[in-house]
Amino acid sequence: MPVVVDGIQGPVRSSGPGPVGPTPGWDGRPECIHIALVNNMPDAALEDTEQQFFELLRAASDTFLVRLGLFSLPNVPRADKGRLRLDRLYFDIEELWQNRFDAVIITGAEPRQRELRCEPYWPAMTAVLEWAAENTASTVLSCLAAHAGVLHSDEVGRHPLPDKQFGVFNCRKTADHPLTYRSPDRLCFPHSRWNEVRANALASRGYTVLTHSAEAGVDLFVKKNKRSLFVHFQGHPEYGRLTLLKEYRRDIRRYLNGERETYPSMPQSYFDAGAAEFLTAFRKQALANRSPEFMSQFPKALETGVLRNTWQPSGSVIYRNWLQYIALKKAESPAFAAVPLAARARSAAGR
């Protein structure tokens, strides 16, 4: 079944996932699932993140019709290009409180502060978290949003890593749960983060870790928060085939521009042997020729054919189970989405 995007003005893109129009009335049928995508990624990744979630949900949707409404937290730093896209395609956060959604997906944002509570969007983030707990069947929190969720709900802090956790990592299924139903015992997911939350701290607060990587640590974990099952990913099952390459290239550019002191580590288990050898040689030359102009020598051929999305089957099975979980909860409680926290959420988001 298709993924339909309910936008404000015009299509998200001509090759997008479905027709676009005004927000329809909430459909109580379990096979029609309404999801709010709260996309807080920086301007350069805003459109890519939309497409990544569209494609992942489309691959997982099977017999479900998925309707997406696009939102973003206020006070996320934006330039003109990002603001223009939000104005054209995204609903104001006020619309979130006033409409029914069966589920919400909240992305991370590029961190600017060491302490998450000091980020300018923190009041709006916590308002969305509280609204989601009362008004949805389930909430997906991606990467930094997962860290924000456990910090706000249970005072679980994150820990800085000595280097960026970057690449594709094998994970082991560690618990039976509706989200891992019929999934293989081994899955793989991309990770891209400088911080982590740890299994022992999560367990002490009642979280259940569903997948764990020997190299990357906790991957997928869950906990019921009031009416909503909160689903936390430290990794990124939604990433596209080229996303890690784009991030690696961005970090190299920042090094060559003098915006970071160290040359970035290569993403693990992502490039084949030939590409890794070529990029190692490029690194040696970049260290010897540190200047913004040297970025023009970066091998563009990597984008054609040598990179594969090896994690798509793992992401699809988890998200397929997630949609089935939402449909089941929707069937059990057709009038699920009351809006009891609307006033409080509006007040908190505006602070």
Protein backbone atom coordinates (compact mmCIF):
# COMPACT_ATOMS: atom_id res chain seq x y z
CA MET A 1 0.00 0.00 0.00
CA PRO A 2 1.21 3.56 -0.61
CA VAL A 3 2.55 6.17 1.78
CA VAL A 4 0.54 9.37 1.33
CA VAL A 5 1.97 12.69 2.45
CA ASP A 6 -0.45 15.32 3.69
CA GLY A 7 1.32 18.56 2.81
CA ILE A 8 0.44 22.22 2.75
CA GLN A 9 1.35 23.39 -0.75
CA GLY A 10 2.23 21.14 -3.63
CA PRO A 11 4.06 17.80 -3.74
CA VAL A 12 7.09 17.00 -1.65
CA ARG A 13 8.85 16.01 -4.89
CA SER A 14 7.70 14.87 -8.29
CA SER A 15 8.90 11.32 -7.63
CA GLY A 16 7.54 11.32 -4.11
CA PRO A 17 5.61 8.54 -2.43
CA GLY A 18 2.07 9.57 -3.20
CA PRO A 19 -0.45 12.34 -3.65
CA VAL A 20 -0.33 15.38 -1.44
CA GLY A 21 -3.25 17.40 -0.16
CA PRO A 22 -4.77 19.00 2.91
CA THR A 23 -4.84 17.05 6.14
CA PRO A 24 -7.80 14.64 5.95
CA GLY A 25 -10.03 13.71 8.82
CA TRP A 26 -8.64 11.00 11.06
CA ASP A 27 -9.55 7.55 9.74
CA GLY A 28 -10.38 5.07 12.47
CA ARG A 29 -9.80 1.97 10.34
CA PRO A 30 -6.84 -0.07 11.62
CA GLU A 31 -5.50 -0.49 8.09
CA CYS A 32 -5.14 3.30 7.72
CA ILE A 33 -2.34 4.52 9.98
CA HIS A 34 -1.76 8.22 10.58
CA ILE A 35 1.82 9.13 11.52
CA ALA A 36 3.32 12.51 12.38
CA LEU A 37 6.94 12.77 11.23
CA VAL A 38 8.66 15.44 13.35
CA ASN A 39 11.78 16.04 11.27
CA ASN A 40 14.41 18.07 13.12
CA MET A 41 17.42 17.34 10.95
CA PRO A 42 19.56 20.26 9.74
CA ASP A 43 18.74 21.92 6.44
CA ALA A 44 21.24 19.90 4.40
CA ALA A 45 19.65 16.61 5.53
CA LEU A 46 16.02 17.73 5.79
CA GLU A 47 14.82 16.47 2.40
CA ASP A 48 16.95 13.31 2.49
CA THR A 49 15.48 12.39 5.88
CA GLU A 50 11.95 12.80 4.55
CA GLN A 51 12.72 10.47 1.66
CA GLN A 52 14.45 7.91 3.87
CA PHE A 53 11.40 7.53 6.09
CA PHE A 54 9.03 7.56 3.11
CA GLU A 55 10.92 4.67 1.53
CA LEU A 56 11.27 2.69 4.74
CA LEU A 57 7.57 3.00 5.56
CA ARG A 58 6.63 2.14 1.99
CA ALA A 59 8.76 -1.02 2.13
CA ALA A 60 7.16 -1.99 5.46
CA SER A 61 3.56 -0.98 4.82
CA ASP A 62 2.25 -4.17 3.11
CA THR A 63 -1.55 -4.00 3.57
CA PHE A 64 -1.53 -0.67 5.42
CA LEU A 65 -2.22 2.76 4.02
CA VAL A 66 0.18 5.12 5.79
CA ARG A 67 -0.64 8.85 5.94
CA LEU A 68 2.19 11.13 6.98
CA GLY A 69 2.00 14.68 8.26
CA LEU A 70 5.28 16.63 8.32
CA PHE A 71 6.29 18.74 11.32
CA SER A 72 9.47 20.19 12.79
CA LEU A 73 10.30 21.55 16.22
CA PRO A 74 10.44 25.32 16.53
CA ASN A 75 13.82 26.82 17.45
CA VAL A 76 15.86 24.30 15.47
CA PRO A 77 18.42 26.55 13.72
CA ARG A 78 17.42 27.10 10.09
CA ALA A 79 18.76 29.08 7.14
CA ASP A 80 16.54 30.48 4.38
CA LYS A 81 16.50 27.25 2.38
CA GLY A 82 15.29 25.17 5.33
CA ARG A 83 12.68 27.72 6.39
CA LEU A 84 11.34 27.87 2.84
CA ARG A 85 10.87 24.09 2.76
CA LEU A 86 9.16 24.10 6.15
CA ASP A 87 6.86 26.93 5.07
CA ARG A 88 5.91 25.08 1.89
CA LEU A 89 5.48 21.50 3.08
CA TYR A 90 5.37 21.31 6.88
CA PHE A 91 2.54 21.95 9.28
CA ASP A 92 3.02 24.26 12.23
CA ILE A 93 3.61 22.43 15.50
CA GLU A 94 0.27 23.82 16.72
CA GLU A 95 -1.43 21.49 14.23
CA LEU A 96 0.04 18.52 16.05
CA TRP A 97 -1.88 19.26 19.24
CA GLN A 98 -5.13 19.82 17.34
CA ASN A 99 -5.19 16.65 15.21
CA ARG A 100 -5.29 12.91 15.76
CA PHE A 101 -2.34 10.71 14.96
CA ASP A 102 -1.90 7.02 15.66
CA ALA A 103 1.86 7.32 16.00
CA VAL A 104 4.72 9.78 15.78
CA ILE A 105 8.32 9.54 14.55
CA ILE A 106 10.72 12.09 16.03
CA THR A 107 14.13 12.49 14.44
CA GLY A 108 17.24 13.81 16.07
CA ALA A 109 18.88 17.14 15.36
CA GLU A 110 22.50 18.15 15.02
CA PRO A 111 23.61 18.84 18.61
CA ARG A 112 25.00 22.29 19.39
CA GLN A 113 25.31 21.94 23.18
CA ARG A 114 26.97 19.32 25.37
CA GLU A 115 23.88 19.26 27.59
CA LEU A 116 20.68 18.42 25.73
CA ARG A 117 18.56 20.49 28.10
CA CYS A 118 20.43 23.57 26.88
CA GLU A 119 19.38 23.12 23.25
CA PRO A 120 17.01 25.89 22.14
CA TYR A 121 14.38 23.37 21.02
CA TRP A 122 14.35 21.43 24.33
CA PRO A 123 11.00 22.82 25.64
CA ALA A 124 9.32 21.95 22.34
CA MET A 125 10.92 18.50 22.30
CA THR A 126 9.63 17.68 25.78
CA ALA A 127 6.19 19.01 24.89
CA VAL A 128 6.01 16.65 21.90
CA LEU A 129 7.21 13.74 24.06
CA GLU A 130 4.50 14.38 26.64
CA TRP A 131 1.84 14.79 23.97
CA ALA A 132 2.94 11.55 22.30
CA ALA A 133 2.81 9.58 25.55
CA GLU A 134 -0.87 10.47 26.02
CA ASN A 135 -2.09 10.61 22.43
CA THR A 136 -0.46 7.90 20.33
CA ALA A 137 -0.24 4.13 20.26
CA SER A 138 3.50 4.29 19.69
CA THR A 139 6.37 6.78 19.36
CA VAL A 140 9.63 6.23 17.48
CA LEU A 141 12.62 8.21 18.73
CA SER A 142 15.65 8.30 16.44
CA CYS A 143 19.23 8.70 17.73
CA LEU A 144 19.48 12.07 19.54
CA ALA A 145 15.70 12.05 20.03
CA ALA A 146 16.10 8.69 21.80
CA HIS A 147 18.66 10.26 24.12
CA ALA A 148 16.32 13.18 24.74
CA GLY A 149 13.43 10.82 25.48
CA VAL A 150 15.20 8.77 28.15
CA LEU A 151 16.69 11.89 29.70
CA HIS A 152 13.33 13.61 29.98
CA SER A 153 11.33 10.57 31.10
CA ASP A 154 13.79 8.77 33.37
CA GLU A 155 16.89 10.95 33.89
CA VAL A 156 19.03 8.51 31.91
CA GLY A 157 22.06 10.47 30.76
CA ARG A 158 24.17 9.86 27.69
CA HIS A 159 27.92 9.28 27.68
CA PRO A 160 30.40 10.76 25.20
CA LEU A 161 32.37 8.32 23.05
CA PRO A 162 36.10 8.60 22.30
CA ASP A 163 35.32 8.56 18.57
CA LYS A 164 32.21 8.70 16.42
CA GLN A 165 30.24 5.43 16.35
CA PHE A 166 30.04 5.33 12.60
CA GLY A 167 29.23 2.58 10.15
CA VAL A 168 27.07 -0.52 9.78
CA PHE A 169 27.02 -2.83 12.79
CA ASN A 170 25.73 -6.35 13.33
CA CYS A 171 23.23 -6.64 16.18
CA ARG A 172 21.94 -9.62 18.12
CA LYS A 173 18.27 -9.96 19.06
CA THR A 174 18.23 -10.01 22.86
CA ALA A 175 14.51 -10.26 23.71
CA ASP A 176 11.26 -11.50 22.23
CA HIS A 177 8.82 -8.69 21.53
CA PRO A 178 6.13 -7.83 18.95
CA LEU A 179 8.67 -5.56 17.23
CA THR A 180 11.13 -8.41 16.68
CA TYR A 181 8.49 -11.00 15.72
CA ARG A 182 9.80 -13.26 12.94
CA SER A 183 12.98 -11.21 12.68
CA PRO A 184 16.29 -13.04 12.31
CA ASP A 185 18.50 -13.42 15.37
CA ARG A 186 21.08 -11.23 13.65
CA LEU A 187 20.23 -7.84 12.19
CA CYS A 188 22.34 -4.93 11.03
CA PHE A 189 21.83 -1.18 11.28
CA PRO A 190 23.83 1.98 10.55
CA HIS A 191 24.98 4.14 13.47
CA SER A 192 26.26 7.71 13.41
CA ARG A 193 26.69 9.31 16.84
CA TRP A 194 29.16 10.73 19.32
CA ASN A 195 27.28 9.63 22.45
CA GLU A 196 25.57 6.56 23.84
CA VAL A 197 23.11 5.43 26.48
CA ARG A 198 24.08 2.21 28.21
CA ALA A 199 22.24 -1.03 28.80
CA ASN A 200 22.64 -1.12 32.58
CA ALA A 201 21.21 2.37 33.03
CA LEU A 202 18.28 1.56 30.76
CA ALA A 203 17.54 -1.73 32.52
CA SER A 204 17.52 0.01 35.90
CA ARG A 205 14.73 2.30 34.62
CA GLY A 206 12.58 -0.47 33.17
CA TYR A 207 13.60 -0.35 29.50
CA THR A 208 13.83 -3.57 27.47
CA VAL A 209 16.78 -3.82 25.08
CA LEU A 210 15.67 -5.69 21.94
CA THR A 211 18.88 -5.58 19.88
CA HIS A 212 22.49 -5.14 20.96
CA SER A 213 25.77 -4.89 19.08
CA ALA A 214 29.07 -6.13 20.48
CA GLU A 215 30.77 -3.12 18.87
CA ALA A 216 28.10 -0.40 18.94
CA GLY A 217 26.30 -1.26 22.19
CA VAL A 218 22.56 -0.82 22.64
CA ASP A 219 20.69 -0.52 19.37
CA LEU A 220 16.88 -0.84 19.75
CA PHE A 221 15.08 -0.55 23.11
CA VAL A 222 11.50 0.03 24.24
CA LYS A 223 9.37 1.08 27.19
CA LYS A 224 5.68 1.85 27.61
CA ASN A 225 5.20 5.51 28.45
CA LYS A 226 1.63 6.09 29.62
CA ARG A 227 -0.51 5.10 26.59
CA SER A 228 2.31 4.93 24.04
CA LEU A 229 5.00 2.34 23.37
CA PHE A 230 8.19 4.38 23.07
CA VAL A 231 10.55 2.77 20.54
CA HIS A 232 14.13 4.04 20.71
CA PHE A 233 16.79 3.60 18.03
CA GLN A 234 20.39 4.57 18.71
CA GLY A 235 20.98 3.59 15.09
CA HIS A 236 19.34 4.61 11.84
CA PRO A 237 17.38 1.86 10.05
CA GLU A 238 15.92 4.56 7.80
CA TYR A 239 19.28 5.54 6.27
CA GLY A 240 19.58 5.33 2.52
CA ARG A 241 22.35 3.67 0.53
CA LEU A 242 24.44 6.85 0.30
CA THR A 243 23.71 8.48 3.67
CA LEU A 244 26.88 7.31 5.44
CA LEU A 245 28.95 8.36 2.43
CA LYS A 246 27.40 11.85 2.51
CA GLU A 247 28.11 12.17 6.23
CA TYR A 248 31.70 10.99 5.78
CA ARG A 249 32.23 13.42 2.92
CA ARG A 250 30.71 16.25 5.01
CA ASP A 251 33.06 15.49 7.91
CA ILE A 252 36.08 15.41 5.59
CA ARG A 253 35.03 18.77 4.16
CA ARG A 254 34.77 20.17 7.68
CA TYR A 255 38.30 18.95 8.39
CA LEU A 256 39.68 20.50 5.21
CA ASN A 257 37.85 23.76 6.00
CA GLY A 258 39.35 23.86 9.50
CA GLU A 259 35.98 23.32 11.21
CA ARG A 260 37.25 20.20 13.03
CA GLU A 261 40.72 19.28 14.25
CA THR A 262 40.90 15.60 13.34
CA TYR A 263 40.36 13.72 10.12
CA PRO A 264 37.16 11.64 10.45
CA SER A 265 37.24 7.88 10.88
CA MET A 266 35.97 5.83 7.96
CA PRO A 267 32.51 4.24 8.49
CA GLN A 268 32.90 0.59 9.48
CA SER A 269 31.65 -2.32 7.35
CA TYR A 270 30.30 0.01 4.68
CA PHE A 271 32.87 0.34 1.88
CA ASP A 272 34.22 -2.68 0.02
CA ALA A 273 37.95 -3.38 0.05
CA GLY A 274 38.65 -1.44 -3.14
CA ALA A 275 36.79 1.67 -2.02
CA ALA A 276 38.38 1.54 1.43
CA GLU A 277 41.86 1.35 -0.13
CA PHE A 278 41.10 4.33 -2.37
CA LEU A 279 39.75 6.37 0.57
CA THR A 280 42.78 5.52 2.70
CA ALA A 281 44.99 6.91 -0.04
CA PHE A 282 42.80 10.02 -0.26
CA ARG A 283 43.18 10.48 3.51
CA LYS A 284 46.97 10.46 3.27
CA GLN A 285 46.88 13.07 0.53
CA ALA A 286 44.34 15.20 2.43
CA LEU A 287 46.51 15.21 5.55
CA ALA A 288 49.38 16.47 3.44
CA ASN A 289 47.26 18.97 1.48
CA ARG A 290 44.83 20.34 4.02
CA SER A 291 42.83 22.95 2.14
CA PRO A 292 39.20 23.35 1.08
CA GLU A 293 40.22 23.06 -2.58
CA PHE A 294 41.43 19.49 -2.12
CA MET A 295 37.83 18.34 -1.58
CA SER A 296 37.37 18.48 -5.35
CA GLN A 297 39.56 15.35 -5.52
CA PHE A 298 37.12 13.25 -3.51
CA PRO A 299 36.13 10.19 -5.59
CA LYS A 300 32.62 10.74 -6.95
CA ALA A 301 32.58 7.24 -8.44
CA LEU A 302 31.76 5.82 -4.99
CA GLU A 303 28.14 6.81 -5.50
CA THR A 304 27.65 4.50 -8.46
CA GLY A 305 27.20 0.86 -7.72
CA VAL A 306 29.82 0.06 -5.09
CA LEU A 307 27.64 0.87 -2.06
CA ARG A 308 24.75 -1.34 -0.97
CA ASN A 309 21.94 -0.91 1.53
CA THR A 310 22.60 -4.11 3.49
CA TRP A 311 20.38 -3.03 6.40
CA GLN A 312 17.12 -2.54 4.46
CA PRO A 313 15.74 -6.02 5.31
CA SER A 314 16.41 -5.46 9.04
CA GLY A 315 14.75 -2.05 9.03
CA SER A 316 11.76 -3.30 7.06
CA VAL A 317 10.98 -6.19 9.41
CA ILE A 318 11.12 -3.96 12.51
CA TYR A 319 8.96 -1.24 10.95
CA ARG A 320 6.52 -3.77 9.51
CA ASN A 321 6.02 -5.16 13.00
CA TRP A 322 5.69 -1.61 14.32
CA LEU A 323 2.87 -0.82 11.89
CA GLN A 324 1.14 -4.07 12.83
CA TYR A 325 1.44 -3.19 16.51
CA ILE A 326 -0.17 0.21 15.86
CA ALA A 327 -2.99 -1.35 13.84
CA LEU A 328 -3.68 -3.81 16.67
CA LYS A 329 -3.83 -1.06 19.28
CA LYS A 330 -6.02 1.02 17.01
CA ALA A 331 -8.44 -1.89 16.58
CA GLU A 332 -8.57 -2.41 20.34
CA SER A 333 -9.32 1.26 21.04
CA PRO A 334 -10.92 3.04 18.05
CA ALA A 335 -11.20 6.36 19.86
CA PHE A 336 -7.55 6.23 20.93
CA ALA A 337 -6.46 9.72 20.04
CA ALA A 338 -8.04 12.16 22.41
CA VAL A 339 -6.03 15.35 22.84
CA PRO A 340 -5.92 15.89 26.62
CA LEU A 341 -2.50 17.56 26.69
CA ALA A 342 -3.09 20.06 23.89
CA ALA A 343 -3.14 23.17 26.03
CA ARG A 344 -0.17 22.15 28.12
CA ALA A 345 1.81 21.10 25.04
CA ARG A 346 1.12 24.39 23.30
CA SER A 347 2.28 26.29 26.35
CA ALA A 348 5.48 24.28 26.75
CA ALA A 349 6.38 24.40 23.06
CA GLY A 350 6.07 28.16 23.01
CA ARG A 351 8.49 28.77 25.86
